[in-house]
Amino acid sequence: MSKNEQQQPEPKTPDEVKADFLAKGLTISGWARSRGYKPREVSLVLNGQVKGRYGKGHEIAIALGLKPSVDASHDRRGESTDRRVA
């Protein structure tokens, strides 16, 4: 498996994230504050009121594991950002 084909973990559902928090004894507020997010913003993402398509909501969704992280070596279209000429 090449470097670009590394598998990322399956995204979690909001209910799975909430269950993980419960199992670990974490609160949404505590998790949010420890990562520099406002608890309300995290709650809105977990409850589906913010879809997490872009901006802070997207960042929170990735941190929660609701979305796969974006590989920094690729742009939004999935193309390599390596511009070296062969």
N, C-alpha and C. Protein backbone atom coordinates (compact mmCIF):
# COMPACT_ATOMS: atom_id res chain seq x y z
N MET A 1 0.86 -1.18 0.00
CA MET A 1 0.00 0.00 0.00
C MET A 1 0.90 1.23 0.00
N SER A 2 0.69 2.13 -0.96
CA SER A 2 1.53 3.31 -1.06
C SER A 2 1.11 4.35 -0.03
N LYS A 3 1.93 5.38 0.08
CA LYS A 3 1.69 6.44 1.06
C LYS A 3 0.33 7.10 0.83
N ASN A 4 -0.04 7.31 -0.44
CA ASN A 4 -1.30 7.99 -0.75
C ASN A 4 -2.52 7.09 -0.59
N GLU A 5 -2.30 5.77 -0.45
CA GLU A 5 -3.41 4.84 -0.33
C GLU A 5 -3.68 4.42 1.11
N GLN A 6 -3.01 5.05 2.08
CA GLN A 6 -3.21 4.68 3.47
C GLN A 6 -4.67 4.88 3.83
N GLN A 7 -5.22 3.87 4.50
CA GLN A 7 -6.63 3.95 4.86
C GLN A 7 -6.82 4.80 6.10
N GLN A 8 -7.83 5.63 6.05
CA GLN A 8 -8.22 6.42 7.21
C GLN A 8 -9.34 5.66 7.90
N PRO A 9 -9.49 5.86 9.21
CA PRO A 9 -10.59 5.19 9.90
C PRO A 9 -11.93 5.67 9.34
N GLU A 10 -12.92 4.78 9.39
CA GLU A 10 -14.27 5.13 8.95
C GLU A 10 -14.78 6.30 9.79
N PRO A 11 -15.43 7.27 9.15
CA PRO A 11 -16.04 8.36 9.92
C PRO A 11 -17.09 7.79 10.88
N LYS A 12 -17.21 8.43 12.03
CA LYS A 12 -18.19 8.02 13.04
C LYS A 12 -19.50 8.77 12.82
N THR A 13 -20.55 8.22 13.36
CA THR A 13 -21.83 8.93 13.38
C THR A 13 -21.86 9.80 14.64
N PRO A 14 -22.70 10.83 14.65
CA PRO A 14 -22.81 11.64 15.87
C PRO A 14 -23.17 10.79 17.10
N ASP A 15 -24.01 9.79 16.92
CA ASP A 15 -24.38 8.94 18.06
C ASP A 15 -23.18 8.14 18.56
N GLU A 16 -22.31 7.71 17.66
CA GLU A 16 -21.10 6.99 18.07
C GLU A 16 -20.15 7.91 18.84
N VAL A 17 -20.04 9.15 18.40
CA VAL A 17 -19.19 10.12 19.11
C VAL A 17 -19.74 10.37 20.51
N LYS A 18 -21.06 10.55 20.60
CA LYS A 18 -21.68 10.78 21.91
C LYS A 18 -21.49 9.57 22.82
N ALA A 19 -21.61 8.36 22.27
CA ALA A 19 -21.40 7.15 23.06
C ALA A 19 -19.95 7.05 23.53
N ASP A 20 -19.01 7.44 22.67
CA ASP A 20 -17.59 7.45 23.05
C ASP A 20 -17.35 8.42 24.21
N PHE A 21 -17.95 9.60 24.11
CA PHE A 21 -17.82 10.58 25.19
C PHE A 21 -18.35 10.00 26.50
N LEU A 22 -19.53 9.38 26.44
CA LEU A 22 -20.14 8.80 27.62
C LEU A 22 -19.25 7.70 28.21
N ALA A 23 -18.74 6.83 27.36
CA ALA A 23 -17.89 5.73 27.82
C ALA A 23 -16.59 6.22 28.45
N LYS A 24 -16.10 7.36 27.97
CA LYS A 24 -14.84 7.92 28.49
C LYS A 24 -15.06 8.93 29.60
N GLY A 25 -16.31 9.20 29.91
CA GLY A 25 -16.61 10.17 30.96
C GLY A 25 -16.34 11.60 30.55
N LEU A 26 -16.42 11.89 29.25
CA LEU A 26 -16.17 13.24 28.74
C LEU A 26 -17.49 13.98 28.54
N THR A 27 -17.43 15.28 28.70
CA THR A 27 -18.58 16.12 28.36
C THR A 27 -18.27 16.84 27.06
N ILE A 28 -19.31 17.24 26.36
CA ILE A 28 -19.10 18.02 25.14
C ILE A 28 -18.38 19.31 25.49
N SER A 29 -18.80 19.94 26.57
CA SER A 29 -18.17 21.20 26.98
C SER A 29 -16.69 21.03 27.28
N GLY A 30 -16.37 20.00 28.03
CA GLY A 30 -14.98 19.75 28.38
C GLY A 30 -14.12 19.45 27.16
N TRP A 31 -14.65 18.60 26.27
CA TRP A 31 -13.92 18.26 25.05
C TRP A 31 -13.70 19.51 24.20
N ALA A 32 -14.75 20.31 24.06
CA ALA A 32 -14.67 21.53 23.24
C ALA A 32 -13.63 22.50 23.80
N ARG A 33 -13.73 22.78 25.08
CA ARG A 33 -12.81 23.76 25.69
C ARG A 33 -11.35 23.30 25.63
N SER A 34 -11.14 21.99 25.78
CA SER A 34 -9.77 21.48 25.76
C SER A 34 -9.13 21.60 24.38
N ARG A 35 -9.97 21.81 23.35
CA ARG A 35 -9.47 21.94 21.99
C ARG A 35 -9.66 23.35 21.42
N GLY A 36 -10.12 24.26 22.26
CA GLY A 36 -10.25 25.65 21.83
C GLY A 36 -11.53 25.97 21.07
N TYR A 37 -12.53 25.10 21.17
CA TYR A 37 -13.81 25.34 20.51
C TYR A 37 -14.84 25.79 21.54
N LYS A 38 -15.86 26.47 21.07
CA LYS A 38 -16.97 26.83 21.94
C LYS A 38 -17.89 25.61 22.06
N PRO A 39 -18.31 25.28 23.28
CA PRO A 39 -19.19 24.12 23.45
C PRO A 39 -20.43 24.16 22.57
N ARG A 40 -21.02 25.32 22.39
CA ARG A 40 -22.23 25.44 21.56
C ARG A 40 -21.92 25.03 20.12
N GLU A 41 -20.76 25.44 19.60
CA GLU A 41 -20.40 25.08 18.22
C GLU A 41 -20.30 23.56 18.06
N VAL A 42 -19.69 22.91 19.04
CA VAL A 42 -19.55 21.45 18.99
C VAL A 42 -20.91 20.79 19.09
N SER A 43 -21.74 21.28 19.98
CA SER A 43 -23.08 20.74 20.15
C SER A 43 -23.90 20.86 18.86
N LEU A 44 -23.79 21.99 18.19
CA LEU A 44 -24.53 22.19 16.94
C LEU A 44 -24.08 21.20 15.87
N VAL A 45 -22.79 20.91 15.81
CA VAL A 45 -22.28 19.93 14.84
C VAL A 45 -22.79 18.53 15.21
N LEU A 46 -22.67 18.16 16.48
CA LEU A 46 -23.10 16.82 16.90
C LEU A 46 -24.60 16.60 16.74
N ASN A 47 -25.39 17.64 16.84
CA ASN A 47 -26.84 17.51 16.73
C ASN A 47 -27.35 17.76 15.31
N GLY A 48 -26.43 17.96 14.36
CA GLY A 48 -26.81 18.10 12.96
C GLY A 48 -27.36 19.44 12.55
N GLN A 49 -27.29 20.42 13.45
CA GLN A 49 -27.79 21.75 13.11
C GLN A 49 -26.78 22.53 12.28
N VAL A 50 -25.51 22.16 12.38
CA VAL A 50 -24.45 22.67 11.52
C VAL A 50 -23.88 21.45 10.80
N LYS A 51 -23.86 21.50 9.48
CA LYS A 51 -23.50 20.33 8.69
C LYS A 51 -22.00 20.07 8.63
N GLY A 52 -21.18 21.07 8.93
CA GLY A 52 -19.73 20.86 8.91
C GLY A 52 -19.16 20.77 7.52
N ARG A 53 -19.73 21.50 6.59
CA ARG A 53 -19.24 21.46 5.22
C ARG A 53 -18.03 22.36 5.00
N TYR A 54 -17.92 23.42 5.79
CA TYR A 54 -16.81 24.35 5.63
C TYR A 54 -16.62 25.13 6.93
N GLY A 55 -15.52 25.84 7.01
CA GLY A 55 -15.26 26.71 8.15
C GLY A 55 -15.07 25.96 9.47
N LYS A 56 -15.45 26.61 10.55
CA LYS A 56 -15.27 26.08 11.90
C LYS A 56 -16.04 24.78 12.09
N GLY A 57 -17.25 24.69 11.54
CA GLY A 57 -18.03 23.46 11.65
C GLY A 57 -17.32 22.28 11.01
N HIS A 58 -16.69 22.52 9.87
CA HIS A 58 -15.95 21.47 9.18
C HIS A 58 -14.75 21.03 10.02
N GLU A 59 -14.05 22.00 10.58
CA GLU A 59 -12.90 21.72 11.44
C GLU A 59 -13.32 20.88 12.65
N ILE A 60 -14.43 21.23 13.26
CA ILE A 60 -14.94 20.49 14.42
C ILE A 60 -15.35 19.08 14.02
N ALA A 61 -16.04 18.94 12.88
CA ALA A 61 -16.47 17.62 12.41
C ALA A 61 -15.27 16.70 12.19
N ILE A 62 -14.18 17.23 11.66
CA ILE A 62 -12.96 16.43 11.47
C ILE A 62 -12.38 16.04 12.83
N ALA A 63 -12.30 17.01 13.75
CA ALA A 63 -11.74 16.73 15.08
C ALA A 63 -12.56 15.69 15.83
N LEU A 64 -13.87 15.68 15.63
CA LEU A 64 -14.74 14.71 16.28
C LEU A 64 -14.68 13.33 15.62
N GLY A 65 -14.15 13.27 14.41
CA GLY A 65 -14.10 12.01 13.68
C GLY A 65 -15.34 11.77 12.83
N LEU A 66 -16.15 12.81 12.65
CA LEU A 66 -17.36 12.69 11.83
C LEU A 66 -17.03 12.70 10.34
N LYS A 67 -15.88 13.30 10.01
CA LYS A 67 -15.42 13.39 8.63
C LYS A 67 -13.97 12.97 8.59
N PRO A 68 -13.54 12.40 7.47
CA PRO A 68 -12.12 12.06 7.36
C PRO A 68 -11.28 13.33 7.28
N SER A 69 -10.06 13.27 7.79
CA SER A 69 -9.20 14.45 7.71
C SER A 69 -8.74 14.63 6.27
N VAL A 70 -8.53 15.86 5.90
CA VAL A 70 -8.10 16.19 4.56
C VAL A 70 -6.58 16.04 4.51
N ASP A 71 -6.10 15.30 3.53
CA ASP A 71 -4.67 15.11 3.36
C ASP A 71 -4.07 16.43 2.88
N ALA A 72 -3.15 16.99 3.63
CA ALA A 72 -2.56 18.29 3.32
C ALA A 72 -1.78 18.29 2.01
N SER A 73 -1.42 17.12 1.49
CA SER A 73 -0.65 17.09 0.26
C SER A 73 -1.55 17.11 -0.98
N HIS A 74 -2.86 17.25 -0.79
CA HIS A 74 -3.79 17.32 -1.90
C HIS A 74 -4.69 18.53 -1.74
N ASP A 75 -5.05 19.13 -2.88
CA ASP A 75 -5.95 20.27 -2.82
C ASP A 75 -7.40 19.79 -2.76
N ARG A 76 -8.35 20.70 -2.80
CA ARG A 76 -9.75 20.35 -2.64
C ARG A 76 -10.27 19.44 -3.75
N ARG A 77 -9.63 19.46 -4.91
CA ARG A 77 -10.08 18.60 -6.02
C ARG A 77 -9.44 17.23 -5.94
N GLY A 78 -8.58 17.00 -4.93
CA GLY A 78 -7.92 15.72 -4.79
C GLY A 78 -6.65 15.61 -5.60
N GLU A 79 -6.22 16.72 -6.20
CA GLU A 79 -5.01 16.71 -7.00
C GLU A 79 -3.80 17.01 -6.12
N SER A 80 -2.68 16.42 -6.48
CA SER A 80 -1.46 16.65 -5.72
C SER A 80 -1.05 18.11 -5.79
N THR A 81 -0.57 18.64 -4.67
CA THR A 81 -0.09 20.02 -4.65
C THR A 81 1.40 20.07 -4.92
N ASP A 82 2.01 18.92 -5.20
CA ASP A 82 3.42 18.86 -5.53
C ASP A 82 3.58 19.34 -6.96
N ARG A 83 4.20 20.50 -7.14
CA ARG A 83 4.31 21.12 -8.45
C ARG A 83 5.68 20.95 -9.10
N ARG A 84 6.49 20.01 -8.58
CA ARG A 84 7.80 19.79 -9.16
C ARG A 84 7.66 19.25 -10.58
N VAL A 85 8.53 19.70 -11.45
CA VAL A 85 8.53 19.24 -12.84
C VAL A 85 9.51 18.08 -12.93
N ALA A 86 9.07 16.99 -13.56
CA ALA A 86 9.91 15.80 -13.66
C ALA A 86 11.01 15.96 -14.66
